[in-house]
Every structure is written in C-alpha cells, then in structure tokens.
C-alpha cells in the first residue's frame, strides 16, 4: 500500500494480496482517522458482499473472483473497536454480470486505487445498534 496526501485529498494504491478494509483502516496509523471514500476502482478476489435485510440482519454472498472493481464509496470513522470502514461497491465478473452491495471483504488481485477526502476526526463515529448495523453518529449534533 502506498498513498499520497494533498490537503484533504488522499489517493491510495493497494497492491496484490492486500485486503481493502484493513488497508483503509491502517490509515489511522498515519493520522487519517475520518474520511469520505469517494471512489475506488481495480481488480479484486475473495469477495464477500451483501445487504441488510428488513430484520436488521446482514445477508452475505461470497464470490471467489476475480472481479473488476467498478465503483466503491463509503467512509472511514472511529468505531467501537478502532477504525471502522463502511463500504458499498459495484463489481463485474468475467461475464460482465454486475454484482453490488455492502462490501465485507475483498483482497486486491491486481490493483486497487481509491480516493478519500479527509474529514475532522472529532465530527463522527460509529455506534452499535440492536441489529447488525453499526450506526453513523455525528458528534455534537443536536
């Protein structure tokens, strides 16, 4: 993993074998604790994605891959157990079938390129709910 920061913008390059969530979360070690993830492209494998059902339980599906990472958005914020990433994605398999949803896991197969916009680390965090969802909370908001 390598990244460059210019002002509040971070461009992150992930290399084969690196996991997307763990890599983004490791930015906290470099003082980047809160960010909006505005885009992500590349090629990944060992993918788990899903959705939150009406009972508040995440339903997941595994894809061995590799798949083309067409779009990724989300955020990085402090969570109950440290840096927390919430990512949604759209991917295409080798037959051009599109798959999308909440991203739980993906390992970089060729490359991953992401853009993050750094935000004030004191402005928000994640807190558990009575479902599988970990809610985004704004600090100091009424």
N, C-alpha and C. Protein backbone atom coordinates (compact mmCIF):
# COMPACT_ATOMS: atom_id res chain seq x y z
N UNK A 1 0.84 -1.17 0.00
CA UNK A 1 0.00 0.00 0.00
C UNK A 1 0.88 1.23 0.00
N UNK A 2 0.50 2.16 -0.84
CA UNK A 2 1.12 3.47 -0.83
C UNK A 2 0.02 4.51 -0.96
N UNK A 3 0.28 5.71 -0.41
CA UNK A 3 -0.69 6.78 -0.57
C UNK A 3 0.03 8.11 -0.63
N UNK A 4 -0.67 9.07 -1.21
CA UNK A 4 -0.19 10.44 -1.24
C UNK A 4 -1.33 11.31 -0.73
N UNK A 5 -0.96 12.31 0.05
CA UNK A 5 -1.97 13.23 0.57
C UNK A 5 -1.63 14.64 0.11
N UNK A 6 -2.63 15.30 -0.47
CA UNK A 6 -2.51 16.70 -0.86
C UNK A 6 -3.70 17.42 -0.25
N UNK A 7 -3.45 18.22 0.78
CA UNK A 7 -4.54 18.86 1.51
C UNK A 7 -5.41 17.81 2.15
N UNK A 8 -6.71 17.86 1.87
CA UNK A 8 -7.65 16.88 2.43
C UNK A 8 -7.88 15.69 1.52
N UNK A 9 -7.21 15.64 0.38
CA UNK A 9 -7.38 14.52 -0.56
C UNK A 9 -6.26 13.49 -0.39
N UNK A 10 -6.68 12.23 -0.38
CA UNK A 10 -5.74 11.11 -0.29
C UNK A 10 -6.00 10.18 -1.47
N UNK A 11 -4.95 9.84 -2.20
CA UNK A 11 -5.03 8.80 -3.23
C UNK A 11 -4.27 7.60 -2.68
N UNK A 12 -4.95 6.48 -2.63
CA UNK A 12 -4.44 5.26 -2.02
C UNK A 12 -4.31 4.19 -3.10
N UNK A 13 -3.13 3.57 -3.19
CA UNK A 13 -2.94 2.45 -4.11
C UNK A 13 -2.72 1.19 -3.28
N UNK A 14 -3.53 0.18 -3.56
CA UNK A 14 -3.41 -1.10 -2.88
C UNK A 14 -2.84 -2.12 -3.86
N UNK A 15 -2.02 -3.01 -3.33
CA UNK A 15 -1.30 -3.99 -4.14
C UNK A 15 -1.84 -5.40 -3.92
N UNK A 16 -1.48 -6.34 -4.82
CA UNK A 16 -1.99 -7.71 -4.71
C UNK A 16 -1.79 -8.30 -3.31
N UNK A 17 -2.86 -8.95 -2.83
CA UNK A 17 -2.82 -9.60 -1.52
C UNK A 17 -3.30 -8.74 -0.37
N UNK A 18 -3.45 -7.44 -0.59
CA UNK A 18 -3.90 -6.56 0.49
C UNK A 18 -5.43 -6.56 0.55
N UNK A 19 -5.96 -6.53 1.76
CA UNK A 19 -7.41 -6.51 1.96
C UNK A 19 -7.86 -5.05 2.04
N UNK A 20 -8.97 -4.73 1.38
CA UNK A 20 -9.40 -3.33 1.26
C UNK A 20 -9.70 -2.69 2.62
N UNK A 21 -10.55 -3.31 3.43
CA UNK A 21 -10.91 -2.71 4.72
C UNK A 21 -9.69 -2.50 5.60
N UNK A 22 -8.89 -3.54 5.77
CA UNK A 22 -7.71 -3.44 6.65
C UNK A 22 -6.76 -2.36 6.16
N UNK A 23 -6.60 -2.24 4.86
CA UNK A 23 -5.69 -1.24 4.31
C UNK A 23 -6.19 0.17 4.60
N UNK A 24 -7.48 0.42 4.35
CA UNK A 24 -8.04 1.74 4.62
C UNK A 24 -7.95 2.05 6.12
N UNK A 25 -8.30 1.08 6.95
CA UNK A 25 -8.25 1.28 8.39
C UNK A 25 -6.84 1.59 8.89
N UNK A 26 -5.84 1.06 8.21
CA UNK A 26 -4.45 1.30 8.63
C UNK A 26 -4.03 2.76 8.44
N UNK A 27 -4.81 3.54 7.69
CA UNK A 27 -4.50 4.95 7.52
C UNK A 27 -4.58 5.70 8.86
N UNK A 28 -5.31 5.15 9.82
CA UNK A 28 -5.39 5.78 11.15
C UNK A 28 -4.00 5.86 11.78
N UNK A 29 -3.13 4.93 11.46
CA UNK A 29 -1.75 4.96 11.97
C UNK A 29 -0.98 6.15 11.41
N UNK A 30 -1.48 6.74 10.36
CA UNK A 30 -0.85 7.90 9.72
C UNK A 30 -1.65 9.18 10.00
N UNK A 31 -2.53 9.12 11.00
CA UNK A 31 -3.29 10.30 11.40
C UNK A 31 -4.56 10.53 10.62
N UNK A 32 -4.92 9.62 9.71
CA UNK A 32 -6.16 9.76 8.93
C UNK A 32 -7.20 8.85 9.57
N UNK A 33 -8.03 9.44 10.43
CA UNK A 33 -8.98 8.66 11.22
C UNK A 33 -10.41 8.79 10.74
N UNK A 34 -10.67 9.78 9.91
CA UNK A 34 -12.03 10.03 9.46
C UNK A 34 -11.97 10.52 8.02
N UNK A 35 -12.71 9.86 7.12
CA UNK A 35 -12.67 10.25 5.71
C UNK A 35 -13.90 9.75 4.99
N UNK A 36 -14.28 10.48 3.95
CA UNK A 36 -15.28 10.01 3.00
C UNK A 36 -14.53 9.31 1.87
N UNK A 37 -14.93 8.10 1.55
CA UNK A 37 -14.31 7.36 0.45
C UNK A 37 -15.19 7.63 -0.76
N UNK A 38 -14.67 8.38 -1.70
CA UNK A 38 -15.49 8.87 -2.80
C UNK A 38 -15.41 8.01 -4.05
N UNK A 39 -14.33 7.24 -4.21
CA UNK A 39 -14.23 6.38 -5.38
C UNK A 39 -13.22 5.28 -5.14
N UNK A 40 -13.41 4.19 -5.86
CA UNK A 40 -12.47 3.08 -5.81
C UNK A 40 -12.65 2.21 -7.02
N UNK A 41 -11.53 1.86 -7.65
CA UNK A 41 -11.53 1.00 -8.83
C UNK A 41 -10.40 -0.01 -8.70
N UNK A 42 -10.41 -1.05 -9.53
CA UNK A 42 -9.33 -2.02 -9.52
C UNK A 42 -9.82 -3.41 -9.88
N UNK A 43 -9.10 -4.42 -9.38
CA UNK A 43 -9.45 -5.82 -9.61
C UNK A 43 -9.21 -6.58 -8.32
N UNK A 44 -10.26 -7.31 -7.86
CA UNK A 44 -10.22 -7.97 -6.56
C UNK A 44 -10.64 -9.43 -6.65
N UNK A 45 -10.40 -10.15 -5.57
CA UNK A 45 -10.80 -11.56 -5.46
C UNK A 45 -11.22 -11.81 -4.00
N UNK A 46 -11.65 -13.04 -3.70
CA UNK A 46 -12.04 -13.42 -2.34
C UNK A 46 -13.00 -12.38 -1.75
N UNK A 47 -14.13 -12.23 -2.42
CA UNK A 47 -15.07 -11.14 -2.15
C UNK A 47 -16.25 -11.65 -1.33
N UNK A 48 -16.64 -10.86 -0.35
CA UNK A 48 -17.90 -11.09 0.38
C UNK A 48 -18.67 -9.78 0.35
N UNK A 49 -19.89 -9.85 -0.17
CA UNK A 49 -20.76 -8.67 -0.18
C UNK A 49 -22.16 -9.10 0.22
N UNK A 50 -22.99 -8.12 0.54
CA UNK A 50 -24.34 -8.45 0.96
C UNK A 50 -25.21 -7.24 1.15
N UNK A 51 -26.25 -7.44 1.96
CA UNK A 51 -27.21 -6.37 2.22
C UNK A 51 -27.81 -6.59 3.60
N UNK A 52 -28.37 -5.52 4.17
CA UNK A 52 -29.06 -5.57 5.45
C UNK A 52 -30.53 -5.85 5.18
N UNK A 53 -31.04 -6.98 5.67
CA UNK A 53 -32.44 -7.32 5.39
C UNK A 53 -33.39 -6.56 6.30
N UNK A 54 -34.69 -6.76 6.12
CA UNK A 54 -35.70 -5.99 6.86
C UNK A 54 -35.71 -6.31 8.36
N UNK A 55 -35.05 -7.39 8.77
CA UNK A 55 -34.95 -7.73 10.18
C UNK A 55 -33.67 -7.19 10.81
N UNK A 56 -32.88 -6.44 10.03
CA UNK A 56 -31.63 -5.89 10.55
C UNK A 56 -30.50 -6.90 10.61
N UNK A 57 -30.59 -7.94 9.78
CA UNK A 57 -29.56 -8.97 9.72
C UNK A 57 -28.90 -8.92 8.35
N UNK A 58 -27.57 -8.89 8.34
CA UNK A 58 -26.87 -8.87 7.06
C UNK A 58 -26.91 -10.24 6.40
N UNK A 59 -27.26 -10.24 5.12
CA UNK A 59 -27.24 -11.43 4.28
C UNK A 59 -26.04 -11.30 3.35
N UNK A 60 -25.21 -12.33 3.29
CA UNK A 60 -23.97 -12.21 2.52
C UNK A 60 -23.86 -13.29 1.46
N UNK A 61 -23.00 -13.00 0.50
CA UNK A 61 -22.70 -13.95 -0.57
C UNK A 61 -21.22 -13.83 -0.89
N UNK A 62 -20.56 -14.96 -1.03
CA UNK A 62 -19.14 -14.99 -1.36
C UNK A 62 -18.95 -15.16 -2.86
N UNK A 63 -17.95 -14.49 -3.39
CA UNK A 63 -17.54 -14.61 -4.79
C UNK A 63 -16.03 -14.84 -4.78
N UNK A 64 -15.59 -15.92 -5.41
CA UNK A 64 -14.16 -16.20 -5.44
C UNK A 64 -13.42 -15.16 -6.28
N UNK A 65 -14.07 -14.73 -7.35
CA UNK A 65 -13.42 -13.74 -8.22
C UNK A 65 -12.50 -14.41 -9.19
N UNK A 66 -11.64 -13.66 -9.81
CA UNK A 66 -11.53 -12.21 -9.61
C UNK A 66 -12.66 -11.45 -10.30
N UNK A 67 -12.85 -10.22 -9.82
CA UNK A 67 -13.85 -9.32 -10.38
C UNK A 67 -13.25 -7.94 -10.58
N UNK A 68 -13.83 -7.22 -11.52
CA UNK A 68 -13.43 -5.84 -11.77
C UNK A 68 -14.16 -4.95 -10.77
N UNK A 69 -13.43 -4.18 -10.01
CA UNK A 69 -14.00 -3.24 -9.05
C UNK A 69 -14.37 -1.97 -9.82
N UNK A 70 -15.66 -1.77 -10.04
CA UNK A 70 -16.13 -0.67 -10.87
C UNK A 70 -16.35 0.62 -10.09
N UNK A 71 -16.78 0.48 -8.84
CA UNK A 71 -17.09 1.66 -8.04
C UNK A 71 -17.11 1.27 -6.57
N UNK A 72 -16.59 2.13 -5.72
CA UNK A 72 -16.61 1.93 -4.27
C UNK A 72 -16.80 3.28 -3.61
N UNK A 73 -17.72 3.33 -2.66
CA UNK A 73 -17.93 4.53 -1.86
C UNK A 73 -18.14 4.12 -0.42
N UNK A 74 -17.94 5.07 0.48
CA UNK A 74 -18.19 4.79 1.89
C UNK A 74 -17.49 5.78 2.78
N UNK A 75 -17.12 5.30 3.98
CA UNK A 75 -16.42 6.17 4.89
C UNK A 75 -15.54 5.40 5.85
N UNK A 76 -14.63 6.13 6.43
CA UNK A 76 -13.74 5.66 7.49
C UNK A 76 -14.01 6.56 8.68
N UNK A 77 -14.40 5.98 9.82
CA UNK A 77 -14.65 6.75 11.03
C UNK A 77 -14.21 5.93 12.24
N UNK A 78 -13.99 6.60 13.38
CA UNK A 78 -13.72 5.84 14.60
C UNK A 78 -14.93 4.97 14.96
N UNK A 79 -14.66 3.74 15.36
CA UNK A 79 -15.73 2.83 15.74
C UNK A 79 -15.52 2.31 17.14
N UNK A 80 -16.40 1.44 17.60
CA UNK A 80 -16.31 0.93 18.97
C UNK A 80 -15.03 0.13 19.23
N UNK A 81 -14.45 -0.44 18.18
CA UNK A 81 -13.23 -1.25 18.33
C UNK A 81 -12.06 -0.71 17.54
N UNK A 82 -12.08 0.58 17.21
CA UNK A 82 -11.00 1.18 16.42
C UNK A 82 -11.53 1.70 15.10
N UNK A 83 -10.63 1.92 14.13
CA UNK A 83 -11.06 2.43 12.82
C UNK A 83 -12.12 1.52 12.20
N UNK A 84 -13.17 2.13 11.63
CA UNK A 84 -14.31 1.39 11.09
C UNK A 84 -14.56 1.87 9.67
N UNK A 85 -14.61 0.93 8.73
CA UNK A 85 -14.92 1.26 7.35
C UNK A 85 -16.29 0.72 6.98
N UNK A 86 -17.07 1.56 6.31
CA UNK A 86 -18.37 1.16 5.78
C UNK A 86 -18.29 1.40 4.28
N UNK A 87 -18.31 0.31 3.51
CA UNK A 87 -18.11 0.40 2.07
C UNK A 87 -19.26 -0.25 1.31
N UNK A 88 -19.65 0.39 0.22
CA UNK A 88 -20.57 -0.20 -0.75
C UNK A 88 -19.84 -0.24 -2.09
N UNK A 89 -20.20 -1.22 -2.91
CA UNK A 89 -19.44 -1.43 -4.12
C UNK A 89 -20.28 -1.98 -5.26
N UNK A 90 -19.78 -1.79 -6.46
CA UNK A 90 -20.31 -2.43 -7.66
C UNK A 90 -19.13 -3.11 -8.34
N UNK A 91 -19.31 -4.38 -8.70
CA UNK A 91 -18.26 -5.17 -9.35
C UNK A 91 -18.83 -5.90 -10.55
N UNK A 92 -17.95 -6.26 -11.46
CA UNK A 92 -18.34 -7.01 -12.64
C UNK A 92 -17.50 -8.28 -12.72
N UNK A 93 -18.19 -9.43 -12.93
CA UNK A 93 -17.43 -10.67 -13.10
C UNK A 93 -16.94 -10.78 -14.54
N UNK A 94 -16.27 -11.88 -14.86
CA UNK A 94 -15.68 -12.04 -16.19
C UNK A 94 -16.72 -12.16 -17.30
N UNK A 95 -17.98 -12.41 -16.93
CA UNK A 95 -19.06 -12.48 -17.91
C UNK A 95 -19.82 -11.17 -18.01
N UNK A 96 -19.28 -10.13 -17.42
CA UNK A 96 -19.89 -8.79 -17.41
C UNK A 96 -21.19 -8.73 -16.62
N UNK A 97 -21.41 -9.70 -15.73
CA UNK A 97 -22.54 -9.64 -14.81
C UNK A 97 -22.15 -8.72 -13.66
N UNK A 98 -23.04 -7.80 -13.31
CA UNK A 98 -22.74 -6.83 -12.27
C UNK A 98 -23.30 -7.31 -10.94
N UNK A 99 -22.50 -7.14 -9.89
CA UNK A 99 -22.86 -7.50 -8.52
C UNK A 99 -22.60 -6.28 -7.65
N UNK A 100 -23.45 -6.06 -6.67
CA UNK A 100 -23.22 -4.90 -5.82
C UNK A 100 -23.81 -5.09 -4.45
N UNK A 101 -23.40 -4.21 -3.55
CA UNK A 101 -23.93 -4.22 -2.19
C UNK A 101 -22.90 -3.77 -1.19
N UNK A 102 -23.17 -4.09 0.06
CA UNK A 102 -22.28 -3.78 1.17
C UNK A 102 -21.05 -4.69 1.05
N UNK A 103 -19.87 -4.11 1.11
CA UNK A 103 -18.63 -4.88 0.96
C UNK A 103 -18.09 -5.26 2.33
N UNK A 104 -17.98 -6.56 2.56
CA UNK A 104 -17.42 -7.09 3.81
C UNK A 104 -15.95 -7.39 3.68
N UNK A 105 -15.56 -7.89 2.53
CA UNK A 105 -14.18 -8.33 2.35
C UNK A 105 -13.85 -8.37 0.87
N UNK A 106 -12.65 -7.96 0.53
CA UNK A 106 -12.12 -8.13 -0.82
C UNK A 106 -10.60 -8.01 -0.74
N UNK A 107 -9.94 -8.93 -1.40
CA UNK A 107 -8.49 -8.92 -1.49
C UNK A 107 -8.09 -8.40 -2.87
N UNK A 108 -7.12 -7.54 -2.90
CA UNK A 108 -6.66 -6.99 -4.18
C UNK A 108 -6.05 -8.11 -5.01
N UNK A 109 -6.48 -8.21 -6.26
CA UNK A 109 -5.96 -9.22 -7.18
C UNK A 109 -4.88 -8.61 -8.08
N UNK A 110 -5.13 -7.43 -8.63
CA UNK A 110 -4.16 -6.74 -9.48
C UNK A 110 -3.77 -5.41 -8.85
N UNK A 111 -4.77 -4.54 -8.65
CA UNK A 111 -4.53 -3.23 -8.06
C UNK A 111 -5.84 -2.68 -7.52
N UNK A 112 -5.75 -1.80 -6.55
CA UNK A 112 -6.88 -1.03 -6.07
C UNK A 112 -6.46 0.42 -5.99
N UNK A 113 -7.28 1.32 -6.50
CA UNK A 113 -6.99 2.75 -6.47
C UNK A 113 -8.21 3.45 -5.88
N UNK A 114 -8.00 4.15 -4.77
CA UNK A 114 -9.11 4.79 -4.06
C UNK A 114 -8.81 6.26 -3.80
N UNK A 115 -9.87 7.04 -3.76
CA UNK A 115 -9.77 8.45 -3.36
C UNK A 115 -10.54 8.62 -2.06
N UNK A 116 -9.91 9.30 -1.11
CA UNK A 116 -10.55 9.63 0.15
C UNK A 116 -10.46 11.12 0.39
N UNK A 117 -11.49 11.67 1.00
CA UNK A 117 -11.48 13.07 1.42
C UNK A 117 -11.43 13.07 2.94
N UNK A 118 -10.32 13.54 3.49
CA UNK A 118 -10.12 13.55 4.94
C UNK A 118 -11.08 14.54 5.59
N UNK A 119 -11.63 14.12 6.73
CA UNK A 119 -12.58 14.95 7.48
C UNK A 119 -12.11 15.06 8.93
N UNK A 120 -12.73 15.94 9.67
CA UNK A 120 -12.42 16.15 11.08
C UNK A 120 -12.72 14.87 11.86
N UNK A 121 -11.72 14.31 12.51
CA UNK A 121 -11.87 13.05 13.23
C UNK A 121 -12.80 13.15 14.42
N UNK A 122 -13.09 14.35 14.86
CA UNK A 122 -13.98 14.54 16.01
C UNK A 122 -15.44 14.70 15.59
N UNK A 123 -15.73 14.70 14.29
CA UNK A 123 -17.07 15.04 13.83
C UNK A 123 -18.05 13.87 13.81
N UNK A 124 -17.56 12.63 13.78
CA UNK A 124 -18.47 11.49 13.71
C UNK A 124 -17.79 10.23 14.19
N UNK A 125 -18.62 9.22 14.51
CA UNK A 125 -18.12 7.91 14.88
C UNK A 125 -19.21 6.87 14.59
N UNK A 126 -18.93 5.64 14.90
CA UNK A 126 -19.88 4.54 14.72
C UNK A 126 -20.24 3.95 16.07
N UNK A 127 -21.53 3.63 16.23
CA UNK A 127 -22.01 3.04 17.48
C UNK A 127 -22.91 1.85 17.16
N UNK A 128 -22.80 0.78 17.95
CA UNK A 128 -23.65 -0.41 17.74
C UNK A 128 -25.13 -0.06 17.90
N UNK A 129 -25.97 -0.85 17.23
CA UNK A 129 -27.43 -0.75 17.36
C UNK A 129 -27.94 -2.11 17.84
N UNK A 130 -29.24 -2.28 17.92
CA UNK A 130 -29.80 -3.59 18.31
C UNK A 130 -29.95 -4.51 17.11
N UNK A 131 -29.33 -4.16 15.98
CA UNK A 131 -29.28 -5.00 14.78
C UNK A 131 -27.81 -5.22 14.43
N UNK A 132 -27.55 -5.82 13.27
CA UNK A 132 -26.17 -6.00 12.80
C UNK A 132 -25.54 -4.68 12.36
N UNK A 133 -26.37 -3.67 12.13
CA UNK A 133 -25.89 -2.38 11.63
C UNK A 133 -25.18 -1.60 12.74
N UNK A 134 -24.05 -1.00 12.40
CA UNK A 134 -23.31 -0.11 13.30
C UNK A 134 -23.53 1.30 12.79
N UNK A 135 -24.29 2.10 13.53
CA UNK A 135 -24.82 3.38 13.06
C UNK A 135 -23.76 4.50 13.06
N UNK A 136 -23.88 5.35 12.07
CA UNK A 136 -23.06 6.57 11.99
C UNK A 136 -23.69 7.62 12.91
N UNK A 137 -22.88 8.17 13.80
CA UNK A 137 -23.33 9.20 14.72
C UNK A 137 -22.50 10.45 14.54
N UNK A 138 -23.17 11.60 14.55
CA UNK A 138 -22.48 12.88 14.43
C UNK A 138 -22.23 13.42 15.83
N UNK A 139 -21.00 13.70 16.13
CA UNK A 139 -20.62 14.17 17.45
C UNK A 139 -20.99 15.64 17.59
N UNK A 140 -21.64 15.98 18.70
CA UNK A 140 -22.02 17.36 18.94
C UNK A 140 -23.29 17.79 18.24
N UNK A 141 -23.88 16.90 17.44
CA UNK A 141 -25.12 17.25 16.74
C UNK A 141 -26.29 17.16 17.71
N UNK A 142 -27.23 18.05 17.58
CA UNK A 142 -28.40 18.04 18.47
C UNK A 142 -29.49 17.17 17.91
